Amino acid sequence: MKKIELEATNFVKTKRNKFNTELNKEVRNLDSYILNNLHDCRERERVREKILEAKMWARLAADIHGIK
């Protein structure tokens, strides 16, 4: 691999890793907020499922279309 290609690959990997790290952090924060502020009920569990679903959709979008 040429040096420029290697630099580009490393740049994209670093950007993807940062995105995933920050996404995980924010999802954990939101999940904790939901757990700490809502009573244990079906709706709370649905919210948590949807948060996980949103995280998976975001990762898929990043994989398909890249990160800004």
C-alpha atoms as a PDB file:
ATOM      1  CA  MET A   1       0.000   0.000   0.000  1.00  0.00           C
ATOM      2  CA  LYS A   2       1.249   3.450  -0.819  1.00  0.00           C
ATOM      3  CA  LYS A   3       1.905   5.874   1.994  1.00  0.00           C
ATOM      4  CA  ILE A   4      -0.982   8.151   1.006  1.00  0.00           C
ATOM      5  CA  GLU A   5      -3.401   5.201   0.919  1.00  0.00           C
ATOM      6  CA  LEU A   6      -2.182   4.060   4.331  1.00  0.00           C
ATOM      7  CA  GLU A   7      -2.686   7.568   5.741  1.00  0.00           C
ATOM      8  CA  ALA A   8      -6.205   7.717   4.300  1.00  0.00           C
ATOM      9  CA  THR A   9      -7.068   4.294   5.715  1.00  0.00           C
ATOM     10  CA  ASN A  10      -5.734   5.257   9.139  1.00  0.00           C
ATOM     11  CA  PHE A  11      -7.658   8.546   9.038  1.00  0.00           C
ATOM     12  CA  VAL A  12     -10.943   6.774   8.269  1.00  0.00           C
ATOM     13  CA  LYS A  13     -10.328   4.131  10.953  1.00  0.00           C
ATOM     14  CA  THR A  14      -9.544   6.789  13.542  1.00  0.00           C
ATOM     15  CA  LYS A  15     -12.663   8.749  12.610  1.00  0.00           C
ATOM     16  CA  ARG A  16     -14.814   5.584  12.791  1.00  0.00           C
ATOM     17  CA  ASN A  17     -13.334   4.600  16.166  1.00  0.00           C
ATOM     18  CA  LYS A  18     -13.996   8.078  17.576  1.00  0.00           C
ATOM     19  CA  PHE A  19     -17.575   7.987  16.276  1.00  0.00           C
ATOM     20  CA  ASN A  20     -18.237   4.568  17.825  1.00  0.00           C
ATOM     21  CA  THR A  21     -16.636   5.550  21.137  1.00  0.00           C
ATOM     22  CA  GLU A  22     -18.666   8.759  21.388  1.00  0.00           C
ATOM     23  CA  LEU A  23     -21.859   7.019  20.266  1.00  0.00           C
ATOM     24  CA  ASN A  24     -21.414   4.342  22.944  1.00  0.00           C
ATOM     25  CA  LYS A  25     -20.770   7.010  25.586  1.00  0.00           C
ATOM     26  CA  GLU A  26     -23.886   8.984  24.672  1.00  0.00           C
ATOM     27  CA  VAL A  27     -26.067   5.871  24.491  1.00  0.00           C
ATOM     28  CA  ARG A  28     -24.838   4.780  27.938  1.00  0.00           C
ATOM     29  CA  ASN A  29     -25.573   8.247  29.320  1.00  0.00           C
ATOM     30  CA  LEU A  30     -29.076   8.278  27.863  1.00  0.00           C
ATOM     31  CA  ASP A  31     -29.772   4.726  29.051  1.00  0.00           C
ATOM     32  CA  SER A  32     -28.627   5.633  32.581  1.00  0.00           C
ATOM     33  CA  TYR A  33     -30.813   8.740  32.523  1.00  0.00           C
ATOM     34  CA  ILE A  34     -33.843   6.669  31.513  1.00  0.00           C
ATOM     35  CA  LEU A  35     -33.139   4.035  34.179  1.00  0.00           C
ATOM     36  CA  ASN A  36     -32.675   6.658  36.886  1.00  0.00           C
ATOM     37  CA  ASN A  37     -35.734   8.754  36.037  1.00  0.00           C
ATOM     38  CA  LEU A  38     -38.491   6.428  34.881  1.00  0.00           C
ATOM     39  CA  HIS A  39     -40.335   3.788  36.876  1.00  0.00           C
ATOM     40  CA  ASP A  40     -39.818   0.170  35.921  1.00  0.00           C
ATOM     41  CA  CYS A  41     -42.502  -0.447  33.318  1.00  0.00           C
ATOM     42  CA  ARG A  42     -43.070  -1.768  29.815  1.00  0.00           C
ATOM     43  CA  GLU A  43     -42.672   1.665  28.305  1.00  0.00           C
ATOM     44  CA  ARG A  44     -39.260   2.139  29.905  1.00  0.00           C
ATOM     45  CA  GLU A  45     -38.108  -1.159  28.441  1.00  0.00           C
ATOM     46  CA  ARG A  46     -39.413  -0.100  25.015  1.00  0.00           C
ATOM     47  CA  VAL A  47     -37.455   3.145  25.296  1.00  0.00           C
ATOM     48  CA  ARG A  48     -34.302   1.177  26.080  1.00  0.00           C
ATOM     49  CA  GLU A  49     -34.915  -1.120  23.101  1.00  0.00           C
ATOM     50  CA  LYS A  50     -35.387   1.884  20.821  1.00  0.00           C
ATOM     51  CA  ILE A  51     -32.182   3.496  22.106  1.00  0.00           C
ATOM     52  CA  LEU A  52     -30.293   0.320  21.198  1.00  0.00           C
ATOM     53  CA  GLU A  53     -32.054   0.237  17.830  1.00  0.00           C
ATOM     54  CA  ALA A  54     -31.075   3.860  17.147  1.00  0.00           C
ATOM     55  CA  LYS A  55     -27.456   3.046  17.981  1.00  0.00           C
ATOM     56  CA  MET A  56     -27.460   0.137  15.540  1.00  0.00           C
ATOM     57  CA  TRP A  57     -29.042   2.289  12.796  1.00  0.00           C
ATOM     58  CA  ALA A  58     -26.436   4.993  13.375  1.00  0.00           C
ATOM     59  CA  ARG A  59     -23.611   2.479  13.058  1.00  0.00           C
ATOM     60  CA  LEU A  60     -25.120   1.046   9.897  1.00  0.00           C
ATOM     61  CA  ALA A  61     -25.460   4.528   8.382  1.00  0.00           C
ATOM     62  CA  ALA A  62     -21.839   5.256   9.263  1.00  0.00           C
ATOM     63  CA  ASP A  63     -20.690   1.982   7.686  1.00  0.00           C
ATOM     64  CA  ILE A  64     -22.658   2.546   4.487  1.00  0.00           C
ATOM     65  CA  HIS A  65     -22.302   6.304   4.009  1.00  0.00           C
ATOM     66  CA  GLY A  66     -19.275   7.214   6.106  1.00  0.00           C
ATOM     67  CA  ILE A  67     -18.939   9.846   8.777  1.00  0.00           C
ATOM     68  CA  LYS A  68     -19.020  13.600   8.197  1.00  0.00           C
END
